[in-house]
Amino acid sequence: MKQATAIFFAFILAFSAGWLVKGWYQDSLELVALKTANEVNNASLKAQQDLASQSARTLENKLEELANVQPPEIRTEIIKPVFTNLCVSDDFVRMYNEAIDSAERTLSGKSTDKMPDNITKVKR
């Protein structure tokens, strides 16, 4: 009976030790998976930050170019009459509209070349 009890306790001890080692193994697998996930997350975050900083630099460069562009000519004209029907001259409106179009094209990255006005239809 003593021998059966000793074998039973040895079996229980071996089973408990196996269970404990299996738990350690599972914990180590979870730790490896967690570390790998953190590394991937950090790499992805760094890539996103690099992309955001690159696009911010590009936008800053475009805005700096726009700030440095000066209109070709702006004249100050003194008009004697106090009351006029026009707030600004037609030339100023044209130059202002051209500056706005140029700024929009620069920011959007569109081509600044205009299509010629004398495009004809193709004969078919």
PDB file of N, CA and C in Angstrom:
ATOM      1  N   MET A   1       0.817  -1.177   0.000  1.00  0.00           N
ATOM      2  CA  MET A   1       0.000   0.000   0.000  1.00  0.00           C
ATOM      3  C   MET A   1       0.869   1.251   0.000  1.00  0.00           C
ATOM      4  N   LYS A   2       1.999   1.205   0.717  1.00  0.00           N
ATOM      5  CA  LYS A   2       2.893   2.350   0.730  1.00  0.00           C
ATOM      6  C   LYS A   2       3.443   2.604  -0.655  1.00  0.00           C
ATOM      7  N   GLN A   3       3.728   1.519  -1.361  1.00  0.00           N
ATOM      8  CA  GLN A   3       4.300   1.666  -2.686  1.00  0.00           C
ATOM      9  C   GLN A   3       3.258   2.262  -3.648  1.00  0.00           C
ATOM     10  N   ALA A   4       2.007   1.870  -3.537  1.00  0.00           N
ATOM     11  CA  ALA A   4       0.938   2.406  -4.384  1.00  0.00           C
ATOM     12  C   ALA A   4       0.723   3.884  -4.086  1.00  0.00           C
ATOM     13  N   THR A   5       0.800   4.247  -2.798  1.00  0.00           N
ATOM     14  CA  THR A   5       0.647   5.651  -2.419  1.00  0.00           C
ATOM     15  C   THR A   5       1.804   6.471  -2.967  1.00  0.00           C
ATOM     16  N   ALA A   6       3.015   5.938  -2.882  1.00  0.00           N
ATOM     17  CA  ALA A   6       4.192   6.645  -3.390  1.00  0.00           C
ATOM     18  C   ALA A   6       4.092   6.824  -4.903  1.00  0.00           C
ATOM     19  N   ILE A   7       3.637   5.796  -5.603  1.00  0.00           N
ATOM     20  CA  ILE A   7       3.483   5.895  -7.063  1.00  0.00           C
ATOM     21  C   ILE A   7       2.395   6.915  -7.408  1.00  0.00           C
ATOM     22  N   PHE A   8       1.307   6.901  -6.632  1.00  0.00           N
ATOM     23  CA  PHE A   8       0.222   7.856  -6.866  1.00  0.00           C
ATOM     24  C   PHE A   8       0.709   9.289  -6.679  1.00  0.00           C
ATOM     25  N   PHE A   9       1.446   9.555  -5.575  1.00  0.00           N
ATOM     26  CA  PHE A   9       1.970  10.905  -5.337  1.00  0.00           C
ATOM     27  C   PHE A   9       3.010  11.295  -6.391  1.00  0.00           C
ATOM     28  N   ALA A  10       3.800  10.327  -6.839  1.00  0.00           N
ATOM     29  CA  ALA A  10       4.778  10.611  -7.895  1.00  0.00           C
ATOM     30  C   ALA A  10       4.051  10.980  -9.187  1.00  0.00           C
ATOM     31  N   PHE A  11       2.959  10.259  -9.467  1.00  0.00           N
ATOM     32  CA  PHE A  11       2.166  10.563 -10.655  1.00  0.00           C
ATOM     33  C   PHE A  11       1.547  11.957 -10.551  1.00  0.00           C
ATOM     34  N   ILE A  12       0.987  12.285  -9.388  1.00  0.00           N
ATOM     35  CA  ILE A  12       0.394  13.609  -9.164  1.00  0.00           C
ATOM     36  C   ILE A  12       1.467  14.686  -9.285  1.00  0.00           C
ATOM     37  N   LEU A  13       2.646  14.446  -8.719  1.00  0.00           N
ATOM     38  CA  LEU A  13       3.748  15.402  -8.789  1.00  0.00           C
ATOM     39  C   LEU A  13       4.197  15.602 -10.236  1.00  0.00           C
ATOM     40  N   ALA A  14       4.318  14.518 -10.991  1.00  0.00           N
ATOM     41  CA  ALA A  14       4.722  14.615 -12.400  1.00  0.00           C
ATOM     42  C   ALA A  14       3.657  15.353 -13.209  1.00  0.00           C
ATOM     43  N   PHE A  15       2.382  15.055 -12.949  1.00  0.00           N
ATOM     44  CA  PHE A  15       1.291  15.727 -13.645  1.00  0.00           C
ATOM     45  C   PHE A  15       1.295  17.221 -13.340  1.00  0.00           C
ATOM     46  N   SER A  16       1.481  17.575 -12.061  1.00  0.00           N
ATOM     47  CA  SER A  16       1.519  18.989 -11.659  1.00  0.00           C
ATOM     48  C   SER A  16       2.706  19.705 -12.291  1.00  0.00           C
ATOM     49  N   ALA A  17       3.865  19.040 -12.314  1.00  0.00           N
ATOM     50  CA  ALA A  17       5.053  19.650 -12.923  1.00  0.00           C
ATOM     51  C   ALA A  17       4.830  19.860 -14.421  1.00  0.00           C
ATOM     52  N   GLY A  18       4.223  18.892 -15.086  1.00  0.00           N
ATOM     53  CA  GLY A  18       3.923  19.032 -16.517  1.00  0.00           C
ATOM     54  C   GLY A  18       2.961  20.174 -16.775  1.00  0.00           C
ATOM     55  N   TRP A  19       1.955  20.285 -15.912  1.00  0.00           N
ATOM     56  CA  TRP A  19       0.982  21.360 -16.043  1.00  0.00           C
ATOM     57  C   TRP A  19       1.667  22.716 -15.875  1.00  0.00           C
ATOM     58  N   LEU A  20       2.558  22.817 -14.890  1.00  0.00           N
ATOM     59  CA  LEU A  20       3.283  24.057 -14.626  1.00  0.00           C
ATOM     60  C   LEU A  20       4.184  24.425 -15.807  1.00  0.00           C
ATOM     61  N   VAL A  21       4.906  23.444 -16.342  1.00  0.00           N
ATOM     62  CA  VAL A  21       5.802  23.700 -17.477  1.00  0.00           C
ATOM     63  C   VAL A  21       4.989  24.107 -18.709  1.00  0.00           C
ATOM     64  N   LYS A  22       3.827  23.467 -18.907  1.00  0.00           N
ATOM     65  CA  LYS A  22       2.966  23.837 -20.030  1.00  0.00           C
ATOM     66  C   LYS A  22       2.501  25.285 -19.886  1.00  0.00           C
ATOM     67  N   GLY A  23       2.170  25.707 -18.677  1.00  0.00           N
ATOM     68  CA  GLY A  23       1.779  27.099 -18.436  1.00  0.00           C
ATOM     69  C   GLY A  23       2.914  28.062 -18.766  1.00  0.00           C
ATOM     70  N   TRP A  24       4.132  27.694 -18.351  1.00  0.00           N
ATOM     71  CA  TRP A  24       5.290  28.542 -18.674  1.00  0.00           C
ATOM     72  C   TRP A  24       5.488  28.646 -20.187  1.00  0.00           C
ATOM     73  N   TYR A  25       5.318  27.521 -20.873  1.00  0.00           N
ATOM     74  CA  TYR A  25       5.493  27.501 -22.326  1.00  0.00           C
ATOM     75  C   TYR A  25       4.445  28.395 -23.006  1.00  0.00           C
ATOM     76  N   GLN A  26       3.188  28.289 -22.543  1.00  0.00           N
ATOM     77  CA  GLN A  26       2.133  29.136 -23.104  1.00  0.00           C
ATOM     78  C   GLN A  26       2.429  30.615 -22.848  1.00  0.00           C
ATOM     79  N   ASP A  27       2.911  30.923 -21.644  1.00  0.00           N
ATOM     80  CA  ASP A  27       3.263  32.306 -21.323  1.00  0.00           C
ATOM     81  C   ASP A  27       4.384  32.820 -22.219  1.00  0.00           C
ATOM     82  N   SER A  28       5.371  31.963 -22.492  1.00  0.00           N
ATOM     83  CA  SER A  28       6.477  32.399 -23.351  1.00  0.00           C
ATOM     84  C   SER A  28       5.992  32.632 -24.778  1.00  0.00           C
ATOM     85  N   LEU A  29       5.066  31.799 -25.264  1.00  0.00           N
ATOM     86  CA  LEU A  29       4.510  32.016 -26.601  1.00  0.00           C
ATOM     87  C   LEU A  29       3.724  33.325 -26.670  1.00  0.00           C
ATOM     88  N   GLU A  30       2.937  33.597 -25.640  1.00  0.00           N
ATOM     89  CA  GLU A  30       2.182  34.848 -25.601  1.00  0.00           C
ATOM     90  C   GLU A  30       3.116  36.050 -25.553  1.00  0.00           C
ATOM     91  N   LEU A  31       4.212  35.932 -24.804  1.00  0.00           N
ATOM     92  CA  LEU A  31       5.180  37.020 -24.709  1.00  0.00           C
ATOM     93  C   LEU A  31       5.841  37.283 -26.059  1.00  0.00           C
ATOM     94  N   VAL A  32       6.203  36.230 -26.769  1.00  0.00           N
ATOM     95  CA  VAL A  32       6.812  36.396 -28.101  1.00  0.00           C
ATOM     96  C   VAL A  32       5.815  37.059 -29.050  1.00  0.00           C
ATOM     97  N   ALA A  33       4.560  36.616 -29.015  1.00  0.00           N
ATOM     98  CA  ALA A  33       3.540  37.206 -29.884  1.00  0.00           C
ATOM     99  C   ALA A  33       3.320  38.676 -29.540  1.00  0.00           C
ATOM    100  N   LEU A  34       3.305  39.000 -28.254  1.00  0.00           N
ATOM    101  CA  LEU A  34       3.113  40.382 -27.825  1.00  0.00           C
ATOM    102  C   LEU A  34       4.277  41.265 -28.260  1.00  0.00           C
ATOM    103  N   LYS A  35       5.501  40.764 -28.105  1.00  0.00           N
ATOM    104  CA  LYS A  35       6.679  41.535 -28.525  1.00  0.00           C
ATOM    105  C   LYS A  35       6.661  41.773 -30.033  1.00  0.00           C
ATOM    106  N   THR A  36       6.310  40.744 -30.787  1.00  0.00           N
ATOM    107  CA  THR A  36       6.243  40.884 -32.245  1.00  0.00           C
ATOM    108  C   THR A  36       5.175  41.900 -32.646  1.00  0.00           C
ATOM    109  N   ALA A  37       4.016  41.834 -31.997  1.00  0.00           N
ATOM    110  CA  ALA A  37       2.945  42.787 -32.295  1.00  0.00           C
ATOM    111  C   ALA A  37       3.379  44.209 -31.966  1.00  0.00           C
ATOM    112  N   ASN A  38       4.085  44.396 -30.861  1.00  0.00           N
ATOM    113  CA  ASN A  38       4.568  45.729 -30.498  1.00  0.00           C
ATOM    114  C   ASN A  38       5.587  46.247 -31.504  1.00  0.00           C
ATOM    115  N   GLU A  39       6.480  45.369 -31.977  1.00  0.00           N
ATOM    116  CA  GLU A  39       7.472  45.785 -32.968  1.00  0.00           C
ATOM    117  C   GLU A  39       6.797  46.200 -34.271  1.00  0.00           C
ATOM    118  N   VAL A  40       5.811  45.420 -34.706  1.00  0.00           N
ATOM    119  CA  VAL A  40       5.084  45.755 -35.937  1.00  0.00           C
ATOM    120  C   VAL A  40       4.327  47.062 -35.755  1.00  0.00           C
ATOM    121  N   ASN A  41       3.709  47.236 -34.603  1.00  0.00           N
ATOM    122  CA  ASN A  41       2.968  48.460 -34.321  1.00  0.00           C
ATOM    123  C   ASN A  41       3.898  49.667 -34.332  1.00  0.00           C
ATOM    124  N   ASN A  42       5.059  49.544 -33.703  1.00  0.00           N
ATOM    125  CA  ASN A  42       6.014  50.655 -33.677  1.00  0.00           C
ATOM    126  C   ASN A  42       6.529  50.980 -35.073  1.00  0.00           C
ATOM    127  N   ALA A  43       6.793  49.952 -35.878  1.00  0.00           N
ATOM    128  CA  ALA A  43       7.262  50.181 -37.248  1.00  0.00           C
ATOM    129  C   ALA A  43       6.184  50.870 -38.075  1.00  0.00           C
ATOM    130  N   SER A  44       4.940  50.444 -37.907  1.00  0.00           N
ATOM    131  CA  SER A  44       3.830  51.060 -38.636  1.00  0.00           C
ATOM    132  C   SER A  44       3.644  52.514 -38.209  1.00  0.00           C
ATOM    133  N   LEU A  45       3.733  52.766 -36.920  1.00  0.00           N
ATOM    134  CA  LEU A  45       3.594  54.128 -36.408  1.00  0.00           C
ATOM    135  C   LEU A  45       4.699  55.026 -36.945  1.00  0.00           C
ATOM    136  N   LYS A  46       5.924  54.520 -36.976  1.00  0.00           N
ATOM    137  CA  LYS A  46       7.045  55.301 -37.502  1.00  0.00           C
ATOM    138  C   LYS A  46       6.845  55.604 -38.981  1.00  0.00           C
ATOM    139  N   ALA A  47       6.361  54.613 -39.741  1.00  0.00           N
ATOM    140  CA  ALA A  47       6.117  54.828 -41.171  1.00  0.00           C
ATOM    141  C   ALA A  47       5.040  55.891 -41.380  1.00  0.00           C
ATOM    142  N   GLN A  48       3.989  55.862 -40.570  1.00  0.00           N
ATOM    143  CA  GLN A  48       2.932  56.864 -40.677  1.00  0.00           C
ATOM    144  C   GLN A  48       3.455  58.245 -40.314  1.00  0.00           C
ATOM    145  N   GLN A  49       4.281  58.336 -39.281  1.00  0.00           N
ATOM    146  CA  GLN A  49       4.847  59.622 -38.889  1.00  0.00           C
ATOM    147  C   GLN A  49       5.775  60.162 -39.969  1.00  0.00           C
ATOM    148  N   ASP A  50       6.569  59.287 -40.580  1.00  0.00           N
ATOM    149  CA  ASP A  50       7.452  59.717 -41.661  1.00  0.00           C
ATOM    150  C   ASP A  50       6.649  60.240 -42.846  1.00  0.00           C
ATOM    151  N   LEU A  51       5.579  59.540 -43.191  1.00  0.00           N
ATOM    152  CA  LEU A  51       4.734  59.966 -44.298  1.00  0.00           C
ATOM    153  C   LEU A  51       4.066  61.304 -43.989  1.00  0.00           C
ATOM    154  N   ALA A  52       3.581  61.461 -42.762  1.00  0.00           N
ATOM    155  CA  ALA A  52       2.932  62.714 -42.377  1.00  0.00           C
ATOM    156  C   ALA A  52       3.925  63.873 -42.389  1.00  0.00           C
ATOM    157  N   SER A  53       5.132  63.649 -41.899  1.00  0.00           N
ATOM    158  CA  SER A  53       6.117  64.735 -41.889  1.00  0.00           C
ATOM    159  C   SER A  53       6.560  65.076 -43.306  1.00  0.00           C
ATOM    160  N   GLN A  54       6.651  64.067 -44.174  1.00  0.00           N
ATOM    161  CA  GLN A  54       7.033  64.330 -45.563  1.00  0.00           C
ATOM    162  C   GLN A  54       5.948  65.151 -46.271  1.00  0.00           C
ATOM    163  N   SER A  55       4.689  64.797 -46.078  1.00  0.00           N
ATOM    164  CA  SER A  55       3.617  65.559 -46.718  1.00  0.00           C
ATOM    165  C   SER A  55       3.512  66.958 -46.117  1.00  0.00           C
ATOM    166  N   ALA A  56       3.790  67.091 -44.829  1.00  0.00           N
ATOM    167  CA  ALA A  56       3.783  68.422 -44.214  1.00  0.00           C
ATOM    168  C   ALA A  56       4.903  69.279 -44.789  1.00  0.00           C
ATOM    169  N   ARG A  57       6.092  68.672 -44.987  1.00  0.00           N
ATOM    170  CA  ARG A  57       7.201  69.412 -45.599  1.00  0.00           C
ATOM    171  C   ARG A  57       6.852  69.854 -47.012  1.00  0.00           C
ATOM    172  N   THR A  58       6.214  68.973 -47.770  1.00  0.00           N
ATOM    173  CA  THR A  58       5.822  69.316 -49.138  1.00  0.00           C
ATOM    174  C   THR A  58       4.835  70.476 -49.139  1.00  0.00           C
ATOM    175  N   LEU A  59       3.853  70.422 -48.245  1.00  0.00           N
ATOM    176  CA  LEU A  59       2.878  71.505 -48.156  1.00  0.00           C
ATOM    177  C   LEU A  59       3.548  72.803 -47.732  1.00  0.00           C
ATOM    178  N   GLU A  60       4.461  72.743 -46.778  1.00  0.00           N
ATOM    179  CA  GLU A  60       5.166  73.951 -46.345  1.00  0.00           C
ATOM    180  C   GLU A  60       5.980  74.545 -47.486  1.00  0.00           C
ATOM    181  N   ASN A  61       6.618  73.690 -48.282  1.00  0.00           N
ATOM    182  CA  ASN A  61       7.387  74.191 -49.424  1.00  0.00           C
ATOM    183  C   ASN A  61       6.486  74.875 -50.445  1.00  0.00           C
ATOM    184  N   LYS A  62       5.314  74.273 -50.716  1.00  0.00           N
ATOM    185  CA  LYS A  62       4.382  74.894 -51.656  1.00  0.00           C
ATOM    186  C   LYS A  62       3.872  76.229 -51.123  1.00  0.00           C
ATOM    187  N   LEU A  63       3.555  76.264 -49.829  1.00  0.00           N
ATOM    188  CA  LEU A  63       3.078  77.520 -49.247  1.00  0.00           C
ATOM    189  C   LEU A  63       4.172  78.577 -49.249  1.00  0.00           C
ATOM    190  N   GLU A  64       5.413  78.156 -49.031  1.00  0.00           N
ATOM    191  CA  GLU A  64       6.531  79.093 -49.072  1.00  0.00           C
ATOM    192  C   GLU A  64       6.719  79.639 -50.483  1.00  0.00           C
ATOM    193  N   GLU A  65       6.571  78.774 -51.492  1.00  0.00           N
ATOM    194  CA  GLU A  65       6.654  79.239 -52.874  1.00  0.00           C
ATOM    195  C   GLU A  65       5.565  80.255 -53.166  1.00  0.00           C
ATOM    196  N   LEU A  66       4.352  79.980 -52.667  1.00  0.00           N
ATOM    197  CA  LEU A  66       3.257  80.919 -52.893  1.00  0.00           C
ATOM    198  C   LEU A  66       3.501  82.248 -52.193  1.00  0.00           C
ATOM    199  N   ALA A  67       4.109  82.189 -51.021  1.00  0.00           N
ATOM    200  CA  ALA A  67       4.367  83.427 -50.282  1.00  0.00           C
ATOM    201  C   ALA A  67       5.430  84.263 -50.982  1.00  0.00           C
ATOM    202  N   ASN A  68       6.371  83.604 -51.651  1.00  0.00           N
ATOM    203  CA  ASN A  68       7.448  84.332 -52.314  1.00  0.00           C
ATOM    204  C   ASN A  68       7.065  84.842 -53.696  1.00  0.00           C
ATOM    205  N   VAL A  69       5.980  84.329 -54.267  1.00  0.00           N
ATOM    206  CA  VAL A  69       5.555  84.791 -55.588  1.00  0.00           C
ATOM    207  C   VAL A  69       4.919  86.162 -55.433  1.00  0.00           C
ATOM    208  N   GLN A  70       5.421  87.096 -56.216  1.00  0.00           N
ATOM    209  CA  GLN A  70       4.864  88.441 -56.165  1.00  0.00           C
ATOM    210  C   GLN A  70       4.063  88.674 -57.435  1.00  0.00           C
ATOM    211  N   PRO A  71       2.982  89.398 -57.346  1.00  0.00           N
ATOM    212  CA  PRO A  71       2.212  89.682 -58.554  1.00  0.00           C
ATOM    213  C   PRO A  71       3.072  90.475 -59.538  1.00  0.00           C
ATOM    214  N   PRO A  72       2.819  90.303 -60.833  1.00  0.00           N
ATOM    215  CA  PRO A  72       3.675  90.965 -61.811  1.00  0.00           C
ATOM    216  C   PRO A  72       3.671  92.485 -61.671  1.00  0.00           C
ATOM    217  N   GLU A  73       2.536  93.035 -61.387  1.00  0.00           N
ATOM    218  CA  GLU A  73       2.498  94.491 -61.287  1.00  0.00           C
ATOM    219  C   GLU A  73       1.228  94.910 -60.566  1.00  0.00           C
ATOM    220  N   ILE A  74       1.397  95.692 -59.544  1.00  0.00           N
ATOM    221  CA  ILE A  74       0.254  96.301 -58.867  1.00  0.00           C
ATOM    222  C   ILE A  74       0.546  97.790 -58.795  1.00  0.00           C
ATOM    223  N   ARG A  75      -0.352  98.561 -59.356  1.00  0.00           N
ATOM    224  CA  ARG A  75      -0.166 100.011 -59.353  1.00  0.00           C
ATOM    225  C   ARG A  75      -1.162 100.627 -58.391  1.00  0.00           C
ATOM    226  N   THR A  76      -0.705 101.617 -57.716  1.00  0.00           N
ATOM    227  CA  THR A  76      -1.599 102.373 -56.854  1.00  0.00           C
ATOM    228  C   THR A  76      -2.052 103.594 -57.636  1.00  0.00           C
ATOM    229  N   GLU A  77      -3.337 103.694 -57.822  1.00  0.00           N
ATOM    230  CA  GLU A  77      -3.886 104.826 -58.559  1.00  0.00           C
ATOM    231  C   GLU A  77      -4.736 105.648 -57.607  1.00  0.00           C
ATOM    232  N   ILE A  78      -4.527 106.902 -57.666  1.00  0.00           N
ATOM    233  CA  ILE A  78      -5.330 107.809 -56.846  1.00  0.00           C
ATOM    234  C   ILE A  78      -6.432 108.363 -57.739  1.00  0.00           C
ATOM    235  N   ILE A  79      -7.645 108.122 -57.340  1.00  0.00           N
ATOM    236  CA  ILE A  79      -8.794 108.602 -58.099  1.00  0.00           C
ATOM    237  C   ILE A  79      -9.382 109.762 -57.321  1.00  0.00           C
ATOM    238  N   LYS A  80      -9.511 110.878 -58.007  1.00  0.00           N
ATOM    239  CA  LYS A  80      -9.967 112.094 -57.345  1.00  0.00           C
ATOM    240  C   LYS A  80     -11.402 112.020 -56.838  1.00  0.00           C
ATOM    241  N   PRO A  81     -12.326 111.507 -57.614  1.00  0.00           N
ATOM    242  CA  PRO A  81     -13.700 111.536 -57.093  1.00  0.00           C
ATOM    243  C   PRO A  81     -13.821 110.693 -55.821  1.00  0.00           C
ATOM    244  N   VAL A  82     -14.564 111.207 -54.891  1.00  0.00           N
ATOM    245  CA  VAL A  82     -14.717 110.527 -53.616  1.00  0.00           C
ATOM    246  C   VAL A  82     -15.618 109.301 -53.762  1.00  0.00           C
ATOM    247  N   PHE A  83     -16.685 109.461 -54.495  1.00  0.00           N
ATOM    248  CA  PHE A  83     -17.630 108.363 -54.661  1.00  0.00           C
ATOM    249  C   PHE A  83     -17.491 107.786 -56.068  1.00  0.00           C
ATOM    250  N   THR A  84     -17.189 106.484 -56.120  1.00  0.00           N
ATOM    251  CA  THR A  84     -17.130 105.809 -57.419  1.00  0.00           C
ATOM    252  C   THR A  84     -17.992 104.559 -57.353  1.00  0.00           C
ATOM    253  N   ASN A  85     -18.396 104.098 -58.505  1.00  0.00           N
ATOM    254  CA  ASN A  85     -19.223 102.891 -58.560  1.00  0.00           C
ATOM    255  C   ASN A  85     -18.391 101.618 -58.458  1.00  0.00           C
ATOM    256  N   LEU A  86     -17.109 101.699 -58.793  1.00  0.00           N
ATOM    257  CA  LEU A  86     -16.250 100.526 -58.781  1.00  0.00           C
ATOM    258  C   LEU A  86     -15.336 100.549 -57.567  1.00  0.00           C
ATOM    259  N   CYS A  87     -15.216  99.410 -56.911  1.00  0.00           N
ATOM    260  CA  CYS A  87     -14.309  99.318 -55.764  1.00  0.00           C
ATOM    261  C   CYS A  87     -12.872  99.115 -56.234  1.00  0.00           C
ATOM    262  N   VAL A  88     -12.696  98.289 -57.260  1.00  0.00           N
ATOM    263  CA  VAL A  88     -11.362  98.025 -57.791  1.00  0.00           C
ATOM    264  C   VAL A  88     -11.445  98.036 -59.309  1.00  0.00           C
ATOM    265  N   SER A  89     -10.297  98.220 -59.925  1.00  0.00           N
ATOM    266  CA  SER A  89     -10.273  98.273 -61.387  1.00  0.00           C
ATOM    267  C   SER A  89     -10.372  96.863 -61.969  1.00  0.00           C
ATOM    268  N   ASP A  90     -10.696  96.802 -63.253  1.00  0.00           N
ATOM    269  CA  ASP A  90     -10.796  95.510 -63.936  1.00  0.00           C
ATOM    270  C   ASP A  90      -9.447  94.806 -63.984  1.00  0.00           C
ATOM    271  N   ASP A  91      -8.369  95.572 -64.162  1.00  0.00           N
ATOM    272  CA  ASP A  91      -7.034  94.973 -64.187  1.00  0.00           C
ATOM    273  C   ASP A  91      -6.704  94.318 -62.846  1.00  0.00           C
ATOM    274  N   PHE A  92      -7.076  94.995 -61.769  1.00  0.00           N
ATOM    275  CA  PHE A  92      -6.794  94.428 -60.450  1.00  0.00           C
ATOM    276  C   PHE A  92      -7.585  93.138 -60.238  1.00  0.00           C
ATOM    277  N   VAL A  93      -8.841  93.122 -60.653  1.00  0.00           N
ATOM    278  CA  VAL A  93      -9.665  91.917 -60.515  1.00  0.00           C
ATOM    279  C   VAL A  93      -9.060  90.783 -61.333  1.00  0.00           C
ATOM    280  N   ARG A  94      -8.610  91.070 -62.564  1.00  0.00           N
ATOM    281  CA  ARG A  94      -7.996  90.054 -63.408  1.00  0.00           C
ATOM    282  C   ARG A  94      -6.728  89.510 -62.759  1.00  0.00           C
ATOM    283  N   MET A  95      -5.863  90.420 -62.258  1.00  0.00           N
ATOM    284  CA  MET A  95      -4.615  89.977 -61.620  1.00  0.00           C
ATOM    285  C   MET A  95      -4.908  89.173 -60.357  1.00  0.00           C
ATOM    286  N   TYR A  96      -5.915  89.589 -59.597  1.00  0.00           N
ATOM    287  CA  TYR A  96      -6.286  88.879 -58.373  1.00  0.00           C
ATOM    288  C   TYR A  96      -6.787  87.476 -58.711  1.00  0.00           C
ATOM    289  N   ASN A  97      -7.647  87.373 -59.725  1.00  0.00           N
ATOM    290  CA  ASN A  97      -8.160  86.059 -60.132  1.00  0.00           C
ATOM    291  C   ASN A  97      -7.042  85.160 -60.642  1.00  0.00           C
ATOM    292  N   GLU A  98      -6.097  85.714 -61.392  1.00  0.00           N
ATOM    293  CA  GLU A  98      -4.962  84.920 -61.872  1.00  0.00           C
ATOM    294  C   GLU A  98      -4.099  84.437 -60.706  1.00  0.00           C
ATOM    295  N   ALA A  99      -3.912  85.288 -59.695  1.00  0.00           N
ATOM    296  CA  ALA A  99      -3.126  84.887 -58.525  1.00  0.00           C
ATOM    297  C   ALA A  99      -3.822  83.761 -57.765  1.00  0.00           C
ATOM    298  N   ILE A 100      -5.140  83.848 -57.644  1.00  0.00           N
ATOM    299  CA  ILE A 100      -5.899  82.797 -56.954  1.00  0.00           C
ATOM    300  C   ILE A 100      -5.813  81.491 -57.739  1.00  0.00           C
ATOM    301  N   ASP A 101      -5.994  81.570 -59.061  1.00  0.00           N
ATOM    302  CA  ASP A 101      -5.891  80.355 -59.886  1.00  0.00           C
ATOM    303  C   ASP A 101      -4.513  79.728 -59.771  1.00  0.00           C
ATOM    304  N   SER A 102      -3.483  80.566 -59.800  1.00  0.00           N
ATOM    305  CA  SER A 102      -2.114  80.052 -59.687  1.00  0.00           C
ATOM    306  C   SER A 102      -1.892  79.386 -58.333  1.00  0.00           C
ATOM    307  N   ALA A 103      -2.406  80.002 -57.273  1.00  0.00           N
ATOM    308  CA  ALA A 103      -2.249  79.427 -55.932  1.00  0.00           C
ATOM    309  C   ALA A 103      -2.982  78.093 -55.823  1.00  0.00           C
ATOM    310  N   GLU A 104      -4.200  78.026 -56.374  1.00  0.00           N
ATOM    311  CA  GLU A 104      -4.955  76.774 -56.325  1.00  0.00           C
ATOM    312  C   GLU A 104      -4.244  75.675 -57.105  1.00  0.00           C
ATOM    313  N   ARG A 105      -3.704  76.020 -58.262  1.00  0.00           N
ATOM    314  CA  ARG A 105      -2.997  75.022 -59.072  1.00  0.00           C
ATOM    315  C   ARG A 105      -1.729  74.554 -58.365  1.00  0.00           C
ATOM    316  N   THR A 106      -1.036  75.468 -57.705  1.00  0.00           N
ATOM    317  CA  THR A 106       0.185  75.089 -57.002  1.00  0.00           C
ATOM    318  C   THR A 106      -0.136  74.156 -55.842  1.00  0.00           C
ATOM    319  N   LEU A 107      -1.175  74.474 -55.072  1.00  0.00           N
ATOM    320  CA  LEU A 107      -1.528  73.644 -53.919  1.00  0.00           C
ATOM    321  C   LEU A 107      -2.080  72.285 -54.341  1.00  0.00           C
ATOM    322  N   SER A 108      -2.835  72.252 -55.434  1.00  0.00           N
ATOM    323  CA  SER A 108      -3.414  70.978 -55.851  1.00  0.00           C
ATOM    324  C   SER A 108      -2.459  70.155 -56.693  1.00  0.00           C
ATOM    325  N   GLY A 109      -1.381  70.764 -57.164  1.00  0.00           N
ATOM    326  CA  GLY A 109      -0.408  70.033 -57.966  1.00  0.00           C
ATOM    327  C   GLY A 109      -0.806  69.923 -59.427  1.00  0.00           C
ATOM    328  N   LYS A 110      -1.804  70.696 -59.861  1.00  0.00           N
ATOM    329  CA  LYS A 110      -2.226  70.657 -61.256  1.00  0.00           C
ATOM    330  C   LYS A 110      -1.232  71.422 -62.119  1.00  0.00           C
ATOM    331  N   SER A 111      -1.274  71.134 -63.394  1.00  0.00           N
ATOM    332  CA  SER A 111      -0.390  71.811 -64.340  1.00  0.00           C
ATOM    333  C   SER A 111      -0.812  73.263 -64.497  1.00  0.00           C
ATOM    334  N   THR A 112       0.166  74.149 -64.665  1.00  0.00           N
ATOM    335  CA  THR A 112      -0.140  75.568 -64.841  1.00  0.00           C
ATOM    336  C   THR A 112      -0.250  75.931 -66.311  1.00  0.00           C
ATOM    337  N   ASP A 113       0.046  74.979 -67.198  1.00  0.00           N
ATOM    338  CA  ASP A 113      -0.062  75.250 -68.629  1.00  0.00           C
ATOM    339  C   ASP A 113      -1.532  75.302 -69.022  1.00  0.00           C
ATOM    340  N   LYS A 114      -1.864  76.297 -69.829  1.00  0.00           N
ATOM    341  CA  LYS A 114      -3.242  76.447 -70.270  1.00  0.00           C
ATOM    342  C   LYS A 114      -3.400  75.813 -71.643  1.00  0.00           C
ATOM    343  N   MET A 115      -4.598  75.371 -71.938  1.00  0.00           N
ATOM    344  CA  MET A 115      -4.893  74.816 -73.252  1.00  0.00           C
ATOM    345  C   MET A 115      -5.041  75.967 -74.242  1.00  0.00           C
ATOM    346  N   PRO A 116      -4.590  75.790 -75.478  1.00  0.00           N
ATOM    347  CA  PRO A 116      -4.750  76.863 -76.463  1.00  0.00           C
ATOM    348  C   PRO A 116      -6.221  77.059 -76.807  1.00  0.00           C
ATOM    349  N   ASP A 117      -6.561  78.309 -77.140  1.00  0.00           N
ATOM    350  CA  ASP A 117      -7.954  78.635 -77.442  1.00  0.00           C
ATOM    351  C   ASP A 117      -8.364  78.214 -78.848  1.00  0.00           C
ATOM    352  N   ASN A 118      -7.416  77.920 -79.712  1.00  0.00           N
ATOM    353  CA  ASN A 118      -7.749  77.649 -81.107  1.00  0.00           C
ATOM    354  C   ASN A 118      -7.791  76.151 -81.417  1.00  0.00           C
ATOM    355  N   ILE A 119      -8.336  75.365 -80.522  1.00  0.00           N
ATOM    356  CA  ILE A 119      -8.462  73.925 -80.753  1.00  0.00           C
ATOM    357  C   ILE A 119      -9.643  73.700 -81.691  1.00  0.00           C
ATOM    358  N   THR A 120      -9.420  72.947 -82.739  1.00  0.00           N
ATOM    359  CA  THR A 120     -10.492  72.677 -83.697  1.00  0.00           C
ATOM    360  C   THR A 120     -10.929  71.234 -83.580  1.00  0.00           C
ATOM    361  N   LYS A 121     -12.116  70.969 -84.100  1.00  0.00           N
ATOM    362  CA  LYS A 121     -12.642  69.606 -84.064  1.00  0.00           C
ATOM    363  C   LYS A 121     -11.936  68.759 -85.107  1.00  0.00           C
ATOM    364  N   VAL A 122     -11.771  67.500 -84.801  1.00  0.00           N
ATOM    365  CA  VAL A 122     -11.144  66.563 -85.726  1.00  0.00           C
ATOM    366  C   VAL A 122     -12.199  66.087 -86.711  1.00  0.00           C
ATOM    367  N   LYS A 123     -11.853  66.111 -88.003  1.00  0.00           N
ATOM    368  CA  LYS A 123     -12.797  65.643 -89.021  1.00  0.00           C
ATOM    369  C   LYS A 123     -12.816  64.123 -89.010  1.00  0.00           C
ATOM    370  N   ARG A 124     -14.001  63.563 -89.022  1.00  0.00           N
ATOM    371  CA  ARG A 124     -14.127  62.107 -89.001  1.00  0.00           C
ATOM    372  C   ARG A 124     -14.811  61.619 -90.236  1.00  0.00           C
TER     373      ARG A 124
END
